[in-house]
Amino acid sequence: MPLYDFHCPDCDKDVEVLARFCDIPACPTCGGTHMTRLVSRIAPEGKSKEKLKRARAQAGREGHFSNY
């Protein structure tokens, strides 16, 4: 299940919740059931791979193993 951003109008907070696409969860802060799903930004294409490549190169230069 992916993470989705929701807004709770009852307590006026934005939360990130692990939920199915069709589910509308209760607010973890106040328990309200009137949550609305927020539109998330899409990551620009190509930037993630570039950052990962730089992180791997830096880990190699520093001589340690990492989860990259």
PDB file of N, CA and C in Angstrom:
ATOM      1  N   MET A   1       0.844  -1.184   0.000  1.00  0.00           N
ATOM      2  CA  MET A   1       0.000   0.000   0.000  1.00  0.00           C
ATOM      3  C   MET A   1       0.885   1.241   0.000  1.00  0.00           C
ATOM      4  N   PRO A   2       0.535   2.228  -0.785  1.00  0.00           N
ATOM      5  CA  PRO A   2       1.330   3.459  -0.848  1.00  0.00           C
ATOM      6  C   PRO A   2       0.944   4.458   0.239  1.00  0.00           C
ATOM      7  N   LEU A   3       1.785   5.448   0.401  1.00  0.00           N
ATOM      8  CA  LEU A   3       1.509   6.554   1.322  1.00  0.00           C
ATOM      9  C   LEU A   3       0.748   7.642   0.590  1.00  0.00           C
ATOM     10  N   TYR A   4      -0.270   8.179   1.233  1.00  0.00           N
ATOM     11  CA  TYR A   4      -1.046   9.279   0.671  1.00  0.00           C
ATOM     12  C   TYR A   4      -1.116  10.408   1.693  1.00  0.00           C
ATOM     13  N   ASP A   5      -1.190  11.637   1.197  1.00  0.00           N
ATOM     14  CA  ASP A   5      -1.367  12.801   2.054  1.00  0.00           C
ATOM     15  C   ASP A   5      -2.862  13.095   2.153  1.00  0.00           C
ATOM     16  N   PHE A   6      -3.313  13.354   3.378  1.00  0.00           N
ATOM     17  CA  PHE A   6      -4.707  13.691   3.625  1.00  0.00           C
ATOM     18  C   PHE A   6      -4.777  14.965   4.456  1.00  0.00           C
ATOM     19  N   HIS A   7      -5.881  15.684   4.318  1.00  0.00           N
ATOM     20  CA  HIS A   7      -6.146  16.872   5.136  1.00  0.00           C
ATOM     21  C   HIS A   7      -7.393  16.605   5.967  1.00  0.00           C
ATOM     22  N   CYS A   8      -7.306  16.908   7.248  1.00  0.00           N
ATOM     23  CA  CYS A   8      -8.448  16.744   8.146  1.00  0.00           C
ATOM     24  C   CYS A   8      -9.046  18.120   8.427  1.00  0.00           C
ATOM     25  N   PRO A   9     -10.274  18.389   7.987  1.00  0.00           N
ATOM     26  CA  PRO A   9     -10.889  19.688   8.249  1.00  0.00           C
ATOM     27  C   PRO A   9     -11.300  19.862   9.713  1.00  0.00           C
ATOM     28  N   ASP A  10     -11.451  18.754  10.447  1.00  0.00           N
ATOM     29  CA  ASP A  10     -11.844  18.843  11.855  1.00  0.00           C
ATOM     30  C   ASP A  10     -10.736  19.446  12.722  1.00  0.00           C
ATOM     31  N   CYS A  11      -9.494  18.988  12.526  1.00  0.00           N
ATOM     32  CA  CYS A  11      -8.381  19.523  13.329  1.00  0.00           C
ATOM     33  C   CYS A  11      -7.436  20.384  12.487  1.00  0.00           C
ATOM     34  N   ASP A  12      -7.732  20.554  11.182  1.00  0.00           N
ATOM     35  CA  ASP A  12      -6.962  21.396  10.258  1.00  0.00           C
ATOM     36  C   ASP A  12      -5.493  20.980  10.180  1.00  0.00           C
ATOM     37  N   LYS A  13      -5.251  19.659  10.067  1.00  0.00           N
ATOM     38  CA  LYS A  13      -3.889  19.144   9.948  1.00  0.00           C
ATOM     39  C   LYS A  13      -3.758  18.311   8.688  1.00  0.00           C
ATOM     40  N   ASP A  14      -2.545  18.310   8.139  1.00  0.00           N
ATOM     41  CA  ASP A  14      -2.208  17.450   7.010  1.00  0.00           C
ATOM     42  C   ASP A  14      -1.400  16.280   7.550  1.00  0.00           C
ATOM     43  N   VAL A  15      -1.764  15.063   7.146  1.00  0.00           N
ATOM     44  CA  VAL A  15      -1.072  13.862   7.610  1.00  0.00           C
ATOM     45  C   VAL A  15      -0.771  12.961   6.429  1.00  0.00           C
ATOM     46  N   GLU A  16       0.261  12.127   6.596  1.00  0.00           N
ATOM     47  CA  GLU A  16       0.623  11.149   5.591  1.00  0.00           C
ATOM     48  C   GLU A  16       0.226   9.779   6.139  1.00  0.00           C
ATOM     49  N   VAL A  17      -0.592   9.040   5.379  1.00  0.00           N
ATOM     50  CA  VAL A  17      -1.158   7.792   5.871  1.00  0.00           C
ATOM     51  C   VAL A  17      -0.928   6.674   4.856  1.00  0.00           C
ATOM     52  N   LEU A  18      -0.611   5.499   5.351  1.00  0.00           N
ATOM     53  CA  LEU A  18      -0.487   4.307   4.522  1.00  0.00           C
ATOM     54  C   LEU A  18      -1.889   3.761   4.312  1.00  0.00           C
ATOM     55  N   ALA A  19      -2.390   3.817   3.068  1.00  0.00           N
ATOM     56  CA  ALA A  19      -3.769   3.414   2.798  1.00  0.00           C
ATOM     57  C   ALA A  19      -3.917   2.954   1.359  1.00  0.00           C
ATOM     58  N   ARG A  20      -4.962   2.182   1.120  1.00  0.00           N
ATOM     59  CA  ARG A  20      -5.309   1.827  -0.250  1.00  0.00           C
ATOM     60  C   ARG A  20      -5.880   3.047  -0.936  1.00  0.00           C
ATOM     61  N   PHE A  21      -5.886   3.020  -2.278  1.00  0.00           N
ATOM     62  CA  PHE A  21      -6.375   4.171  -3.029  1.00  0.00           C
ATOM     63  C   PHE A  21      -7.847   4.446  -2.752  1.00  0.00           C
ATOM     64  N   CYS A  22      -8.638   3.410  -2.603  1.00  0.00           N
ATOM     65  CA  CYS A  22     -10.079   3.588  -2.420  1.00  0.00           C
ATOM     66  C   CYS A  22     -10.474   3.847  -0.964  1.00  0.00           C
ATOM     67  N   ASP A  23      -9.556   3.692  -0.007  1.00  0.00           N
ATOM     68  CA  ASP A  23      -9.879   3.890   1.407  1.00  0.00           C
ATOM     69  C   ASP A  23      -9.714   5.343   1.827  1.00  0.00           C
ATOM     70  N   ILE A  24     -10.592   5.805   2.693  1.00  0.00           N
ATOM     71  CA  ILE A  24     -10.455   7.109   3.342  1.00  0.00           C
ATOM     72  C   ILE A  24     -10.309   6.820   4.845  1.00  0.00           C
ATOM     73  N   PRO A  25      -9.098   6.930   5.383  1.00  0.00           N
ATOM     74  CA  PRO A  25      -8.873   6.562   6.778  1.00  0.00           C
ATOM     75  C   PRO A  25      -9.375   7.630   7.749  1.00  0.00           C
ATOM     76  N   ALA A  26      -9.449   7.254   9.008  1.00  0.00           N
ATOM     77  CA  ALA A  26      -9.761   8.214  10.066  1.00  0.00           C
ATOM     78  C   ALA A  26      -8.493   8.992  10.389  1.00  0.00           C
ATOM     79  N   CYS A  27      -8.657  10.219  10.846  1.00  0.00           N
ATOM     80  CA  CYS A  27      -7.517  11.075  11.194  1.00  0.00           C
ATOM     81  C   CYS A  27      -6.778  10.489  12.394  1.00  0.00           C
ATOM     82  N   PRO A  28      -5.455  10.285  12.294  1.00  0.00           N
ATOM     83  CA  PRO A  28      -4.707   9.748  13.430  1.00  0.00           C
ATOM     84  C   PRO A  28      -4.568  10.749  14.582  1.00  0.00           C
ATOM     85  N   THR A  29      -4.803  12.031  14.317  1.00  0.00           N
ATOM     86  CA  THR A  29      -4.675  13.052  15.354  1.00  0.00           C
ATOM     87  C   THR A  29      -5.936  13.192  16.185  1.00  0.00           C
ATOM     88  N   CYS A  30      -7.081  13.365  15.503  1.00  0.00           N
ATOM     89  CA  CYS A  30      -8.328  13.628  16.233  1.00  0.00           C
ATOM     90  C   CYS A  30      -9.385  12.545  16.061  1.00  0.00           C
ATOM     91  N   GLY A  31      -9.170  11.594  15.143  1.00  0.00           N
ATOM     92  CA  GLY A  31     -10.137  10.536  14.915  1.00  0.00           C
ATOM     93  C   GLY A  31     -11.261  10.922  13.972  1.00  0.00           C
ATOM     94  N   GLY A  32     -11.180  12.114  13.353  1.00  0.00           N
ATOM     95  CA  GLY A  32     -12.211  12.577  12.431  1.00  0.00           C
ATOM     96  C   GLY A  32     -12.301  11.696  11.192  1.00  0.00           C
ATOM     97  N   THR A  33     -13.490  11.615  10.619  1.00  0.00           N
ATOM     98  CA  THR A  33     -13.710  10.743   9.464  1.00  0.00           C
ATOM     99  C   THR A  33     -13.974  11.520   8.183  1.00  0.00           C
ATOM    100  N   HIS A  34     -13.691  12.803   8.157  1.00  0.00           N
ATOM    101  CA  HIS A  34     -13.956  13.644   6.984  1.00  0.00           C
ATOM    102  C   HIS A  34     -12.669  14.020   6.260  1.00  0.00           C
ATOM    103  N   MET A  35     -11.741  13.071   6.158  1.00  0.00           N
ATOM    104  CA  MET A  35     -10.441  13.338   5.537  1.00  0.00           C
ATOM    105  C   MET A  35     -10.601  13.518   4.025  1.00  0.00           C
ATOM    106  N   THR A  36      -9.809  14.418   3.451  1.00  0.00           N
ATOM    107  CA  THR A  36      -9.785  14.604   2.006  1.00  0.00           C
ATOM    108  C   THR A  36      -8.360  14.346   1.514  1.00  0.00           C
ATOM    109  N   ARG A  37      -8.248  13.620   0.407  1.00  0.00           N
ATOM    110  CA  ARG A  37      -6.936  13.281  -0.153  1.00  0.00           C
ATOM    111  C   ARG A  37      -6.354  14.510  -0.843  1.00  0.00           C
ATOM    112  N   LEU A  38      -5.078  14.765  -0.598  1.00  0.00           N
ATOM    113  CA  LEU A  38      -4.381  15.885  -1.225  1.00  0.00           C
ATOM    114  C   LEU A  38      -3.654  15.408  -2.477  1.00  0.00           C
ATOM    115  N   VAL A  39      -3.474  16.305  -3.413  1.00  0.00           N
ATOM    116  CA  VAL A  39      -2.731  15.992  -4.631  1.00  0.00           C
ATOM    117  C   VAL A  39      -1.245  16.149  -4.328  1.00  0.00           C
ATOM    118  N   SER A  40      -0.472  15.106  -4.634  1.00  0.00           N
ATOM    119  CA  SER A  40       0.969  15.134  -4.385  1.00  0.00           C
ATOM    120  C   SER A  40       1.715  15.521  -5.645  1.00  0.00           C
ATOM    121  N   ARG A  41       2.881  16.092  -5.453  1.00  0.00           N
ATOM    122  CA  ARG A  41       3.734  16.430  -6.595  1.00  0.00           C
ATOM    123  C   ARG A  41       4.422  15.176  -7.113  1.00  0.00           C
ATOM    124  N   ILE A  42       4.689  15.154  -8.390  1.00  0.00           N
ATOM    125  CA  ILE A  42       5.406  14.049  -9.008  1.00  0.00           C
ATOM    126  C   ILE A  42       6.883  14.409  -9.054  1.00  0.00           C
ATOM    127  N   ALA A  43       7.733  13.444  -8.727  1.00  0.00           N
ATOM    128  CA  ALA A  43       9.177  13.681  -8.759  1.00  0.00           C
ATOM    129  C   ALA A  43       9.628  13.883 -10.199  1.00  0.00           C
ATOM    130  N   PRO A  44      10.501  14.863 -10.445  1.00  0.00           N
ATOM    131  CA  PRO A  44      11.001  15.067 -11.808  1.00  0.00           C
ATOM    132  C   PRO A  44      11.768  13.846 -12.294  1.00  0.00           C
ATOM    133  N   GLU A  45      11.564  13.491 -13.524  1.00  0.00           N
ATOM    134  CA  GLU A  45      12.203  12.304 -14.077  1.00  0.00           C
ATOM    135  C   GLU A  45      13.707  12.500 -14.185  1.00  0.00           C
ATOM    136  N   GLY A  46      14.453  11.483 -13.829  1.00  0.00           N
ATOM    137  CA  GLY A  46      15.896  11.507 -13.990  1.00  0.00           C
ATOM    138  C   GLY A  46      16.667  12.019 -12.787  1.00  0.00           C
ATOM    139  N   LYS A  47      16.067  12.802 -11.935  1.00  0.00           N
ATOM    140  CA  LYS A  47      16.806  13.349 -10.807  1.00  0.00           C
ATOM    141  C   LYS A  47      17.105  12.289  -9.753  1.00  0.00           C
ATOM    142  N   SER A  48      16.219  11.334  -9.548  1.00  0.00           N
ATOM    143  CA  SER A  48      16.427  10.294  -8.535  1.00  0.00           C
ATOM    144  C   SER A  48      17.630   9.438  -8.883  1.00  0.00           C
ATOM    145  N   LYS A  49      17.731   9.022 -10.134  1.00  0.00           N
ATOM    146  CA  LYS A  49      18.856   8.179 -10.560  1.00  0.00           C
ATOM    147  C   LYS A  49      20.170   8.923 -10.419  1.00  0.00           C
ATOM    148  N   GLU A  50      20.156  10.200 -10.714  1.00  0.00           N
ATOM    149  CA  GLU A  50      21.369  11.012 -10.613  1.00  0.00           C
ATOM    150  C   GLU A  50      21.826  11.130  -9.152  1.00  0.00           C
ATOM    151  N   LYS A  51      20.889  11.353  -8.244  1.00  0.00           N
ATOM    152  CA  LYS A  51      21.234  11.446  -6.822  1.00  0.00           C
ATOM    153  C   LYS A  51      21.772  10.120  -6.309  1.00  0.00           C
ATOM    154  N   LEU A  52      21.170   9.016  -6.712  1.00  0.00           N
ATOM    155  CA  LEU A  52      21.614   7.700  -6.294  1.00  0.00           C
ATOM    156  C   LEU A  52      23.024   7.420  -6.795  1.00  0.00           C
ATOM    157  N   LYS A  53      23.305   7.805  -8.018  1.00  0.00           N
ATOM    158  CA  LYS A  53      24.639   7.601  -8.590  1.00  0.00           C
ATOM    159  C   LYS A  53      25.686   8.396  -7.812  1.00  0.00           C
ATOM    160  N   ARG A  54      25.353   9.659  -7.473  1.00  0.00           N
ATOM    161  CA  ARG A  54      26.290  10.475  -6.691  1.00  0.00           C
ATOM    162  C   ARG A  54      26.506   9.904  -5.298  1.00  0.00           C
ATOM    163  N   ALA A  55      25.447   9.384  -4.665  1.00  0.00           N
ATOM    164  CA  ALA A  55      25.567   8.816  -3.325  1.00  0.00           C
ATOM    165  C   ALA A  55      26.441   7.560  -3.338  1.00  0.00           C
ATOM    166  N   ARG A  56      26.276   6.727  -4.368  1.00  0.00           N
ATOM    167  CA  ARG A  56      27.109   5.528  -4.486  1.00  0.00           C
ATOM    168  C   ARG A  56      28.571   5.897  -4.699  1.00  0.00           C
ATOM    169  N   ALA A  57      28.823   6.899  -5.529  1.00  0.00           N
ATOM    170  CA  ALA A  57      30.202   7.331  -5.779  1.00  0.00           C
ATOM    171  C   ALA A  57      30.837   7.874  -4.508  1.00  0.00           C
ATOM    172  N   GLN A  58      30.082   8.645  -3.734  1.00  0.00           N
ATOM    173  CA  GLN A  58      30.619   9.195  -2.480  1.00  0.00           C
ATOM    174  C   GLN A  58      30.904   8.074  -1.483  1.00  0.00           C
ATOM    175  N   ALA A  59      30.027   7.100  -1.380  1.00  0.00           N
ATOM    176  CA  ALA A  59      30.248   5.971  -0.476  1.00  0.00           C
ATOM    177  C   ALA A  59      31.502   5.203  -0.884  1.00  0.00           C
ATOM    178  N   GLY A  60      31.716   5.043  -2.184  1.00  0.00           N
ATOM    179  CA  GLY A  60      32.915   4.364  -2.662  1.00  0.00           C
ATOM    180  C   GLY A  60      34.181   5.140  -2.345  1.00  0.00           C
ATOM    181  N   ARG A  61      34.125   6.466  -2.485  1.00  0.00           N
ATOM    182  CA  ARG A  61      35.289   7.301  -2.168  1.00  0.00           C
ATOM    183  C   ARG A  61      35.615   7.255  -0.686  1.00  0.00           C
ATOM    184  N   GLU A  62      34.575   7.173   0.152  1.00  0.00           N
ATOM    185  CA  GLU A  62      34.797   7.152   1.597  1.00  0.00           C
ATOM    186  C   GLU A  62      35.175   5.770   2.101  1.00  0.00           C
ATOM    187  N   GLY A  63      35.067   4.757   1.235  1.00  0.00           N
ATOM    188  CA  GLY A  63      35.512   3.426   1.584  1.00  0.00           C
ATOM    189  C   GLY A  63      34.586   2.652   2.498  1.00  0.00           C
ATOM    190  N   HIS A  64      33.319   2.925   2.440  1.00  0.00           N
ATOM    191  CA  HIS A  64      32.394   2.135   3.267  1.00  0.00           C
ATOM    192  C   HIS A  64      31.247   1.605   2.417  1.00  0.00           C
ATOM    193  N   PHE A  65      30.646   0.559   2.920  1.00  0.00           N
ATOM    194  CA  PHE A  65      29.495  -0.013   2.245  1.00  0.00           C
ATOM    195  C   PHE A  65      28.245   0.710   2.729  1.00  0.00           C
ATOM    196  N   SER A  66      27.296   0.874   1.857  1.00  0.00           N
ATOM    197  CA  SER A  66      26.062   1.543   2.237  1.00  0.00           C
ATOM    198  C   SER A  66      24.876   0.835   1.602  1.00  0.00           C
ATOM    199  N   ASN A  67      23.709   1.276   1.900  1.00  0.00           N
ATOM    200  CA  ASN A  67      22.493   0.692   1.343  1.00  0.00           C
ATOM    201  C   ASN A  67      22.149   1.278  -0.010  1.00  0.00           C
ATOM    202  N   TYR A  68      23.020   2.080  -0.575  1.00  0.00           N
ATOM    203  CA  TYR A  68      22.755   2.652  -1.885  1.00  0.00           C
ATOM    204  C   TYR A  68      22.989   1.604  -2.931  1.00  0.00           C
TER     205      TYR A  68
END
